[in-house]
Amino acid sequence: MALLKRSAWYDTARNNSWTPKYVSFEELYPRELSDIFDLPLEEWEKFDEPYKDTFRDYVHVQREKDAYAYSIRSALERSKLYDVAHPGWRNLVKAHYGGVSIVEASAAILQGRFARFSKSPAMRSICVLGMLDEIRHAQIHFWFAYEHIRKDPQFDWAIKAYHTKNWVAISVIHMLDDLEQRDVVSSTIMTNLIFEVAFTNLQFIALSADAERSGDHTFAHFLQSIQTDEARHSQICLPVIRMMMRNGKKAEAQEVMDIAFWRMYRIFALVSGNAMDYGTPLHARERSFKEFMQEFVVTQFERQIVDLGLDRPWYWDIFLRDIETFHHQQHIGIWLWRCTLWWDDCAGVTAPERAWLEEKYPGWSRTYGRLWDVIAENVAEGRLEKTIPQAGALICNMSQLAMSGQCGDEWDVKDYYLDHEGKRYHFASEVDRWIFTRNPDRYKDYPSFTDRELAGEIPEGLHGFLTFMGLQPGYDTGTCAHGYSWIKDYYPKEAAE
């Protein structure tokens, strides 16, 4: 039997809806889950996704992508690539699996909510495919990570991370809850526009390029297999934003975008900035984190939002300064608190790496380099206890990351605190504080790591601290990825000993 061309039936199939008889339309699509902006129903009926797809075509394409990714993994597994890979790269991969695997699974729930509560039948149809995408992404993450557990127990954190109270997990969960636990309109702007247009290119395309140059072709193709789906998801929000613009809701769309952009940027700076500028082997670094940000975010994303009729976030100048500094500050904290990680962190400060950092970030040596000089001296003299902080950092109540600032003579740490209902909240930037003021009831009851310490929720001592976070000392706690061998460029005699 001949098959009809897709053009003959696609619009009918994708736009299929019904009139409810047993409940009201408002009960079927509750405002707080569907659309808090009260866009007219006739606008929802105009929804037209730019990227057309059908279940028949979808299954065919996804099967081909899976077959390609898994076959490459099987072929390269025999080459023992993992066993000979650069230690920094191995641990970068571990950090990725632990940080991203469950996030992909949560994205499946988000797409499922879109498929249930969107008022547009066309949007519900395309989000069903999005939900299947995210299930596949989670499964491929779990499968690829599982293959390495027999070699390294830290890969178990691909599944374990978000079932613990590890500080990295707490930070990401706080951000995801904020972006995903909203109505369909807000969440699609925050995730499909900000997450998948602005930032997943950074994690999947840029990191894929570094993977290829590192010789890890399995990881590179694995990332590319996922990114082609993310590109389709990013189109879901475009008709929704245009609906808001046509109905005088630009200010509301702008605020939602501004909140999500900063929240997402800070997490990606922590994860991708650390990976690209410190974890990736020097010979494999295609560009710096700042250069990737300038291409994929500053240039491409800015062009996209202007085309949609939105403005750059009000804090754009703050953001441009931040991409020069923030991830360097966080990297130092990550390495010092390496025992709280599920991977072995790479210092990334050998003499050639320092020269590269100074070239990419002029002034790095007189600021962050000065602190690494002190760390290197303590390592060389056998004073490792001085490279592990003896007190917890002050944590931002919004990003859930440590308050940080410029090192050296340009020291500029500032607490942008706010008193609300008799309690003091601490913020790492004026943008974090601004986000809190938009809806204090949404954020006020979420305790930071600092709040948990002060409340006595965390047992005393380093062992209690690690146990609270789900880490087993000597088993899956992190250490220096290179065994401190990088100090040979500072103290060759001590390094040899």
Protein backbone atom coordinates (compact mmCIF):
# COMPACT_ATOMS: atom_id res chain seq x y z
CA MET A 1 0.00 0.00 0.00
CA ALA A 2 1.36 3.40 -0.96
CA LEU A 3 2.00 5.84 1.88
CA LEU A 4 0.61 9.35 1.77
CA LYS A 5 3.12 12.16 1.62
CA ARG A 6 3.61 13.82 4.97
CA SER A 7 2.31 17.15 3.66
CA ALA A 8 -1.07 15.51 3.01
CA TRP A 9 -1.79 14.61 6.62
CA TYR A 10 0.71 16.37 8.89
CA ASP A 11 -1.34 19.44 9.83
CA THR A 12 -4.40 17.33 10.65
CA ALA A 13 -2.44 14.90 12.80
CA ARG A 14 -0.42 17.50 14.72
CA ASN A 15 -3.36 19.80 15.49
CA ASN A 16 -5.83 17.23 16.72
CA SER A 17 -7.79 18.36 19.80
CA TRP A 18 -11.21 17.93 21.41
CA THR A 19 -13.81 19.71 23.50
CA PRO A 20 -13.90 18.31 27.06
CA LYS A 21 -17.32 17.12 28.30
CA TYR A 22 -16.74 15.88 31.84
CA VAL A 23 -14.59 18.76 33.11
CA SER A 24 -14.28 22.39 32.15
CA PHE A 25 -11.47 23.60 29.90
CA GLU A 26 -10.04 25.51 32.87
CA GLU A 27 -9.93 22.33 34.94
CA LEU A 28 -8.28 20.43 32.11
CA TYR A 29 -5.60 23.11 31.74
CA PRO A 30 -5.12 24.73 35.18
CA ARG A 31 -3.79 28.27 34.92
CA GLU A 32 -0.86 27.73 37.29
CA LEU A 33 0.34 24.75 35.24
CA SER A 34 -0.61 25.92 31.76
CA ASP A 35 -0.45 29.70 31.25
CA ILE A 36 -0.27 32.32 34.01
CA PHE A 37 -0.22 35.06 31.36
CA ASP A 38 -3.75 34.24 30.10
CA LEU A 39 -2.93 34.25 26.41
CA PRO A 40 -6.09 33.99 24.25
CA LEU A 41 -7.04 30.48 23.17
CA GLU A 42 -7.11 31.54 19.53
CA GLU A 43 -3.41 32.40 19.87
CA TRP A 44 -2.64 28.89 21.06
CA GLU A 45 -4.41 27.53 17.99
CA LYS A 46 -1.92 29.43 15.79
CA PHE A 47 1.07 27.59 17.28
CA ASP A 48 3.30 26.48 14.42
CA GLU A 49 6.61 24.80 15.28
CA PRO A 50 9.45 25.65 12.84
CA TYR A 51 10.90 22.13 12.97
CA LYS A 52 8.36 19.64 11.57
CA ASP A 53 8.54 16.00 12.64
CA THR A 54 6.37 12.93 12.80
CA PHE A 55 6.57 9.79 14.91
CA ARG A 56 7.36 7.70 11.82
CA ASP A 57 10.29 9.89 10.79
CA TYR A 58 11.37 10.41 14.37
CA VAL A 59 11.81 6.69 15.11
CA HIS A 60 13.78 6.15 11.92
CA VAL A 61 16.22 8.99 12.62
CA GLN A 62 16.67 8.18 16.31
CA ARG A 63 17.36 4.54 15.56
CA GLU A 64 20.11 5.56 13.14
CA LYS A 65 21.68 7.94 15.65
CA ASP A 66 21.64 5.35 18.42
CA ALA A 67 23.11 2.68 16.18
CA TYR A 68 25.93 5.03 15.16
CA ALA A 69 26.77 6.15 18.71
CA TYR A 70 26.69 2.65 20.20
CA SER A 71 28.70 1.11 17.36
CA ILE A 72 31.46 3.69 17.77
CA ARG A 73 31.52 3.02 21.51
CA SER A 74 31.83 -0.73 20.93
CA ALA A 75 34.60 -0.29 18.39
CA LEU A 76 36.65 2.13 20.47
CA GLU A 77 36.18 0.20 23.70
CA ARG A 78 38.61 -2.37 22.33
CA SER A 79 41.24 0.34 21.91
CA LYS A 80 41.41 0.89 25.69
CA LEU A 81 41.13 4.62 25.10
CA TYR A 82 39.89 5.28 28.62
CA ASP A 83 42.90 3.56 30.17
CA VAL A 84 45.39 5.79 28.36
CA ALA A 85 43.39 9.03 28.30
CA HIS A 86 44.72 12.21 29.89
CA PRO A 87 43.75 12.22 33.63
CA GLY A 88 42.18 15.65 33.30
CA TRP A 89 40.00 14.49 30.44
CA ARG A 90 38.94 11.27 32.21
CA ASN A 91 37.76 13.26 35.18
CA LEU A 92 36.08 15.88 33.03
CA VAL A 93 33.98 13.04 31.57
CA LYS A 94 33.14 11.79 35.08
CA ALA A 95 32.02 15.28 36.09
CA HIS A 96 29.83 15.49 32.98
CA TYR A 97 28.09 12.16 33.57
CA GLY A 98 27.37 12.93 37.20
CA GLY A 99 26.18 16.45 36.46
CA VAL A 100 24.08 15.80 33.35
CA SER A 101 22.61 12.26 33.37
CA ILE A 102 19.77 12.81 35.84
CA VAL A 103 19.20 16.31 34.43
CA GLU A 104 18.28 14.64 31.13
CA ALA A 105 15.81 12.42 32.97
CA SER A 106 14.23 15.44 34.66
CA ALA A 107 13.93 17.09 31.24
CA ALA A 108 11.77 14.16 30.14
CA ILE A 109 9.35 14.99 32.96
CA LEU A 110 9.36 18.64 31.87
CA GLN A 111 8.57 17.76 28.26
CA GLY A 112 5.84 15.45 29.54
CA ARG A 113 4.30 18.37 31.43
CA PHE A 114 4.37 20.42 28.23
CA ALA A 115 2.69 17.55 26.39
CA ARG A 116 -0.05 17.44 29.02
CA PHE A 117 -0.71 21.06 29.97
CA SER A 118 -0.01 23.11 26.84
CA LYS A 119 -3.21 24.58 25.42
CA SER A 120 -1.93 24.02 21.89
CA PRO A 121 -2.50 20.53 20.44
CA ALA A 122 0.38 21.14 18.02
CA MET A 123 2.73 21.94 20.88
CA ARG A 124 1.54 18.90 22.81
CA SER A 125 2.33 16.71 19.81
CA ILE A 126 5.88 17.97 19.29
CA CYS A 127 6.60 17.81 23.03
CA VAL A 128 5.74 14.11 23.10
CA LEU A 129 8.70 13.63 20.77
CA GLY A 130 10.74 15.92 23.00
CA MET A 131 9.89 13.71 25.97
CA LEU A 132 11.08 10.63 24.07
CA ASP A 133 14.29 12.50 23.20
CA GLU A 134 15.07 13.23 26.82
CA ILE A 135 14.39 9.63 27.85
CA ARG A 136 16.89 8.53 25.20
CA HIS A 137 19.42 11.11 26.40
CA ALA A 138 19.18 9.87 29.97
CA GLN A 139 19.45 6.22 28.92
CA ILE A 140 22.52 6.77 26.74
CA HIS A 141 24.19 8.71 29.56
CA PHE A 142 23.50 5.93 32.05
CA TRP A 143 24.65 3.22 29.66
CA PHE A 144 27.91 4.88 28.67
CA ALA A 145 28.75 5.75 32.29
CA TYR A 146 27.88 2.25 33.50
CA GLU A 147 30.49 0.75 31.19
CA HIS A 148 33.22 2.50 33.20
CA ILE A 149 32.08 1.66 36.74
CA ARG A 150 34.17 -1.51 36.84
CA LYS A 151 37.24 0.69 36.29
CA ASP A 152 36.31 3.61 38.53
CA PRO A 153 33.55 3.77 41.18
CA GLN A 154 33.21 7.54 40.73
CA PHE A 155 31.22 6.85 37.54
CA ASP A 156 28.43 5.58 39.81
CA TRP A 157 27.60 9.25 40.42
CA ALA A 158 25.93 9.37 37.00
CA ILE A 159 22.94 7.92 38.85
CA LYS A 160 23.84 8.79 42.42
CA ALA A 161 24.60 12.54 42.30
CA TYR A 162 21.10 13.99 42.58
CA HIS A 163 20.04 11.50 45.21
CA THR A 164 22.59 13.04 47.59
CA LYS A 165 23.06 16.42 49.25
CA ASN A 166 26.34 17.08 47.50
CA TRP A 167 26.86 20.83 47.11
CA VAL A 168 27.05 20.60 43.32
CA ALA A 169 23.78 18.66 43.20
CA ILE A 170 22.07 21.12 45.55
CA SER A 171 23.07 24.04 43.33
CA VAL A 172 21.84 22.43 40.09
CA ILE A 173 18.60 21.16 41.69
CA HIS A 174 17.80 24.66 42.98
CA MET A 175 18.25 26.08 39.50
CA LEU A 176 16.27 23.31 37.76
CA ASP A 177 13.39 23.51 40.24
CA ASP A 178 13.16 27.22 39.54
CA LEU A 179 13.13 26.83 35.76
CA GLU A 180 11.12 23.63 35.36
CA GLN A 181 8.51 23.90 38.12
CA ARG A 182 6.52 26.71 36.48
CA ASP A 183 3.68 27.01 34.00
CA VAL A 184 4.18 25.86 30.40
CA VAL A 185 4.80 29.36 29.03
CA SER A 186 7.43 30.34 31.60
CA SER A 187 9.21 26.98 31.55
CA THR A 188 9.43 26.76 27.78
CA ILE A 189 11.08 30.20 27.65
CA MET A 190 13.43 29.33 30.48
CA THR A 191 14.43 25.90 29.19
CA ASN A 192 13.89 25.75 25.43
CA LEU A 193 15.16 29.30 24.83
CA ILE A 194 17.79 29.77 27.52
CA PHE A 195 18.93 26.22 28.23
CA GLU A 196 18.81 24.84 24.69
CA VAL A 197 19.42 27.91 22.52
CA ALA A 198 21.89 29.79 24.69
CA PHE A 199 23.83 27.17 26.61
CA THR A 200 23.61 23.55 25.44
CA ASN A 201 25.65 24.48 22.37
CA LEU A 202 28.37 25.37 24.84
CA GLN A 203 28.24 22.03 26.64
CA PHE A 204 27.62 19.72 23.69
CA ILE A 205 29.13 21.34 20.59
CA ALA A 206 32.11 23.05 22.22
CA LEU A 207 32.86 20.10 24.51
CA SER A 208 32.42 17.74 21.58
CA ALA A 209 35.11 19.65 19.67
CA ASP A 210 37.47 19.33 22.63
CA ALA A 211 36.64 15.61 22.88
CA GLU A 212 37.62 15.06 19.24
CA ARG A 213 40.92 16.85 19.76
CA SER A 214 41.53 14.79 22.90
CA GLY A 215 41.02 11.59 20.90
CA ASP A 216 37.83 10.63 22.74
CA HIS A 217 35.70 10.00 19.64
CA THR A 218 33.13 8.00 21.64
CA PHE A 219 32.31 10.95 23.86
CA ALA A 220 32.36 13.37 20.92
CA HIS A 221 29.81 11.40 18.88
CA PHE A 222 27.77 10.72 21.99
CA LEU A 223 27.44 14.49 22.56
CA GLN A 224 26.67 15.18 18.90
CA SER A 225 23.93 12.56 18.97
CA ILE A 226 22.23 14.48 21.77
CA GLN A 227 22.77 18.00 20.44
CA THR A 228 20.88 17.36 17.21
CA ASP A 229 17.78 16.73 19.36
CA GLU A 230 18.39 19.80 21.51
CA ALA A 231 18.43 21.94 18.39
CA ARG A 232 14.88 20.76 17.63
CA HIS A 233 13.70 21.41 21.21
CA SER A 234 15.01 24.95 21.05
CA GLN A 235 12.40 25.75 18.40
CA ILE A 236 9.44 24.94 20.67
CA CYS A 237 9.60 28.24 22.54
CA LEU A 238 9.73 30.52 19.47
CA PRO A 239 5.98 30.46 18.66
CA VAL A 240 5.20 30.94 22.38
CA ILE A 241 7.39 34.05 22.63
CA ARG A 242 5.82 35.46 19.47
CA MET A 243 2.38 34.92 21.02
CA MET A 244 3.44 36.90 24.05
CA MET A 245 4.86 39.70 21.92
CA ARG A 246 1.63 39.94 19.87
CA ASN A 247 -0.42 40.18 23.07
CA GLY A 248 1.52 42.91 24.84
CA LYS A 249 3.45 40.58 27.16
CA LYS A 250 6.98 41.63 26.22
CA ALA A 251 7.87 42.81 29.74
CA GLU A 252 6.74 39.49 31.23
CA ALA A 253 8.68 37.47 28.65
CA GLN A 254 11.73 39.66 29.19
CA GLU A 255 11.71 39.13 32.96
CA VAL A 256 11.36 35.37 32.64
CA MET A 257 14.25 35.31 30.18
CA ASP A 258 16.45 37.55 32.33
CA ILE A 259 15.98 35.32 35.39
CA ALA A 260 16.73 32.11 33.51
CA PHE A 261 19.72 33.47 31.60
CA TRP A 262 21.67 34.45 34.72
CA ARG A 263 20.77 31.32 36.63
CA MET A 264 21.80 29.09 33.74
CA TYR A 265 24.96 31.05 33.00
CA ARG A 266 26.31 30.72 36.53
CA ILE A 267 25.91 26.91 36.49
CA PHE A 268 27.46 26.54 33.03
CA ALA A 269 30.36 28.79 34.03
CA LEU A 270 31.04 26.43 36.92
CA VAL A 271 30.78 23.26 34.81
CA SER A 272 31.92 24.25 31.32
CA GLY A 273 34.38 26.94 32.38
CA ASN A 274 36.20 24.52 34.66
CA ALA A 275 36.20 21.85 31.94
CA MET A 276 37.35 24.00 29.02
CA ASP A 277 40.03 26.13 30.68
CA TYR A 278 41.46 23.68 33.23
CA GLY A 279 40.34 20.08 32.65
CA THR A 280 40.83 19.74 28.90
CA PRO A 281 44.43 18.82 27.94
CA LEU A 282 46.25 21.87 26.63
CA HIS A 283 46.84 20.46 23.15
CA ALA A 284 43.11 19.73 22.80
CA ARG A 285 41.75 23.15 23.76
CA GLU A 286 40.12 24.55 20.66
CA ARG A 287 39.28 27.84 22.37
CA SER A 288 38.89 29.26 25.85
CA PHE A 289 35.62 29.30 27.74
CA LYS A 290 35.42 33.06 27.18
CA GLU A 291 35.86 32.64 23.42
CA PHE A 292 33.19 29.93 23.25
CA MET A 293 30.87 32.17 25.27
CA GLN A 294 31.47 35.09 22.94
CA GLU A 295 30.64 32.98 19.89
CA PHE A 296 27.72 30.84 21.06
CA VAL A 297 26.13 33.18 23.60
CA VAL A 298 27.21 36.78 23.20
CA THR A 299 26.93 36.78 19.41
CA GLN A 300 24.52 34.02 18.37
CA PHE A 301 22.10 34.22 21.30
CA GLU A 302 21.99 38.01 21.27
CA ARG A 303 21.08 37.92 17.58
CA GLN A 304 18.32 35.40 18.28
CA ILE A 305 16.63 37.39 21.06
CA VAL A 306 16.81 40.64 19.09
CA ASP A 307 15.12 38.88 16.16
CA LEU A 308 12.34 37.85 18.55
CA GLY A 309 11.84 41.45 19.65
CA LEU A 310 13.35 40.99 23.12
CA ASP A 311 16.16 43.04 24.62
CA ARG A 312 19.47 41.99 26.07
CA PRO A 313 19.19 41.32 29.83
CA TRP A 314 19.50 44.53 31.86
CA TYR A 315 22.69 43.22 33.45
CA TRP A 316 24.47 42.52 30.13
CA ASP A 317 27.55 44.59 31.06
CA ILE A 318 27.84 42.72 34.36
CA PHE A 319 27.60 39.43 32.45
CA LEU A 320 30.35 40.43 29.98
CA ARG A 321 32.72 41.24 32.85
CA ASP A 322 31.74 38.04 34.65
CA ILE A 323 32.78 35.69 31.86
CA GLU A 324 36.33 36.98 32.33
CA THR A 325 36.51 36.12 36.02
CA PHE A 326 33.80 34.02 37.65
CA HIS A 327 34.82 30.54 36.50
CA HIS A 328 38.46 31.14 37.52
CA GLN A 329 37.30 32.02 41.02
CA GLN A 330 35.07 28.96 41.22
CA HIS A 331 37.80 26.69 39.85
CA ILE A 332 40.09 27.54 42.75
CA GLY A 333 37.31 26.72 45.20
CA ILE A 334 36.49 23.48 43.38
CA TRP A 335 40.12 22.32 43.51
CA LEU A 336 40.57 23.29 47.16
CA TRP A 337 37.36 21.43 48.04
CA ARG A 338 38.36 18.49 45.79
CA CYS A 339 37.47 15.97 48.51
CA THR A 340 33.78 16.99 48.14
CA LEU A 341 33.69 16.04 44.44
CA TRP A 342 32.82 12.78 42.70
CA TRP A 343 35.72 13.31 40.30
CA ASP A 344 39.43 14.08 40.74
CA ASP A 345 39.81 17.73 39.81
CA CYS A 346 42.54 18.95 37.51
CA ALA A 347 44.49 21.99 38.74
CA GLY A 348 45.43 22.91 35.17
CA VAL A 349 48.24 25.25 36.20
CA THR A 350 51.46 23.82 34.79
CA ALA A 351 53.81 26.43 33.33
CA PRO A 352 52.51 26.01 29.74
CA GLU A 353 48.91 26.07 30.98
CA ARG A 354 49.56 29.25 32.97
CA ALA A 355 51.02 30.88 29.86
CA TRP A 356 47.89 29.91 27.91
CA LEU A 357 45.62 31.29 30.64
CA GLU A 358 47.55 34.57 30.72
CA GLU A 359 47.25 34.85 26.95
CA LYS A 360 43.49 34.21 26.99
CA TYR A 361 42.80 36.20 30.16
CA PRO A 362 45.37 39.01 30.49
CA GLY A 363 46.06 39.63 34.17
CA TRP A 364 45.45 36.02 35.22
CA SER A 365 49.00 35.66 36.61
CA ARG A 366 48.87 38.68 38.92
CA THR A 367 45.48 37.63 40.30
CA TYR A 368 44.66 33.92 40.30
CA GLY A 369 48.26 32.93 39.58
CA ARG A 370 49.38 34.49 42.86
CA LEU A 371 47.03 32.21 44.79
CA TRP A 372 48.21 29.15 42.89
CA ASP A 373 51.79 30.11 43.82
CA VAL A 374 50.83 29.81 47.50
CA ILE A 375 49.03 26.50 46.89
CA ALA A 376 52.06 25.10 45.03
CA GLU A 377 54.38 26.09 47.89
CA ASN A 378 52.17 24.32 50.44
CA VAL A 379 52.05 21.17 48.29
CA ALA A 380 55.83 21.21 47.77
CA GLU A 381 56.44 21.56 51.52
CA GLY A 382 54.06 18.69 52.29
CA ARG A 383 51.48 20.94 53.90
CA LEU A 384 48.47 19.45 52.11
CA GLU A 385 46.23 20.25 55.06
CA LYS A 386 46.71 23.93 54.19
CA THR A 387 45.21 23.29 50.74
CA ILE A 388 41.91 22.12 52.20
CA PRO A 389 39.67 24.82 53.73
CA GLN A 390 38.94 24.37 57.41
CA ALA A 391 35.61 26.22 57.30
CA GLY A 392 32.71 26.23 54.90
CA ALA A 393 32.34 29.05 52.38
CA LEU A 394 29.54 31.60 52.51
CA ILE A 395 27.00 30.34 49.99
CA CYS A 396 24.80 32.50 47.75
CA ASN A 397 21.11 31.96 48.51
CA MET A 398 20.30 32.09 44.80
CA SER A 399 23.03 30.27 42.86
CA GLN A 400 23.84 28.00 45.86
CA LEU A 401 27.51 28.49 44.94
CA ALA A 402 30.31 29.93 47.05
CA MET A 403 30.65 33.71 47.22
CA SER A 404 33.83 34.52 45.33
CA GLY A 405 35.78 37.42 43.88
CA GLN A 406 38.97 38.56 42.23
CA CYS A 407 42.24 37.43 43.83
CA GLY A 408 45.30 39.55 44.62
CA ASP A 409 45.32 43.33 44.89
CA GLU A 410 42.02 43.48 43.00
CA TRP A 411 40.16 41.61 45.76
CA ASP A 412 36.48 42.52 45.35
CA VAL A 413 34.28 40.01 47.21
CA LYS A 414 31.00 41.62 48.21
CA ASP A 415 27.92 40.28 49.97
CA TYR A 416 24.79 41.69 48.31
CA TYR A 417 22.62 40.80 51.27
CA LEU A 418 18.90 41.41 51.74
CA ASP A 419 16.77 41.28 54.89
CA HIS A 420 13.36 39.72 54.31
CA GLU A 421 10.78 38.80 56.96
CA GLY A 422 13.35 38.94 59.72
CA LYS A 423 15.94 36.78 57.99
CA ARG A 424 19.11 37.84 56.19
CA TYR A 425 19.76 36.36 52.75
CA HIS A 426 23.18 36.49 51.12
CA PHE A 427 23.79 36.93 47.38
CA ALA A 428 26.92 36.78 45.26
CA SER A 429 25.82 39.54 42.87
CA GLU A 430 23.21 42.23 42.44
CA VAL A 431 21.62 40.04 39.75
CA ASP A 432 21.13 37.15 42.20
CA ARG A 433 19.55 39.56 44.69
CA TRP A 434 17.31 41.05 41.98
CA ILE A 435 16.01 37.58 41.06
CA PHE A 436 15.08 36.95 44.69
CA THR A 437 13.13 40.22 44.89
CA ARG A 438 10.97 39.26 41.89
CA ASN A 439 9.28 36.53 43.93
CA PRO A 440 10.65 36.11 47.48
CA ASP A 441 8.03 33.50 48.41
CA ARG A 442 9.44 31.25 45.71
CA TYR A 443 12.96 31.21 47.16
CA LYS A 444 12.83 32.16 50.84
CA ASP A 445 12.43 28.67 52.30
CA TYR A 446 15.19 26.93 50.33
CA PRO A 447 18.20 26.53 52.66
CA SER A 448 21.70 27.09 51.32
CA PHE A 449 24.62 24.92 52.44
CA THR A 450 25.54 27.70 54.87
CA ASP A 451 22.01 27.64 56.31
CA ARG A 452 22.24 23.87 56.73
CA GLU A 453 25.57 24.18 58.58
CA LEU A 454 24.28 26.88 60.93
CA ALA A 455 21.15 24.83 61.65
CA GLY A 456 23.29 21.88 62.76
CA GLU A 457 21.97 19.71 59.94
CA ILE A 458 25.52 18.77 58.87
CA PRO A 459 27.57 16.57 61.27
CA GLU A 460 30.79 18.07 62.64
CA GLY A 461 34.18 17.28 61.20
CA LEU A 462 35.31 16.58 57.66
CA HIS A 463 34.12 12.97 57.79
CA GLY A 464 30.63 14.07 58.82
CA PHE A 465 30.67 16.74 56.16
CA LEU A 466 31.49 14.22 53.43
CA THR A 467 29.05 11.62 54.75
CA PHE A 468 26.27 14.23 54.66
CA MET A 469 27.01 14.73 50.97
CA GLY A 470 26.98 11.00 50.20
CA LEU A 471 30.74 10.64 49.72
CA GLN A 472 32.73 7.74 51.11
CA PRO A 473 36.25 8.85 52.11
CA GLY A 474 38.88 6.79 50.33
CA TYR A 475 36.34 5.32 47.91
CA ASP A 476 34.66 7.95 45.76
CA THR A 477 35.90 11.24 47.19
CA GLY A 478 37.91 13.38 44.80
CA THR A 479 41.57 14.31 44.93
CA CYS A 480 44.08 15.95 42.57
CA ALA A 481 43.69 14.39 39.13
CA HIS A 482 47.46 14.47 38.51
CA GLY A 483 48.58 13.46 41.98
CA TYR A 484 50.12 16.95 42.48
CA SER A 485 52.73 16.25 39.80
CA TRP A 486 52.09 19.71 38.32
CA ILE A 487 54.25 21.33 41.04
CA LYS A 488 57.36 20.18 39.14
CA ASP A 489 57.16 23.43 37.17
CA TYR A 490 57.39 25.33 40.47
CA TYR A 491 59.53 23.08 42.67
CA PRO A 492 61.31 20.40 40.58
CA LYS A 493 63.39 19.04 43.47
CA GLU A 494 60.41 18.65 45.81
CA ALA A 495 58.30 17.14 43.03
CA ALA A 496 60.98 14.51 42.36
CA GLU A 497 61.07 13.60 46.03
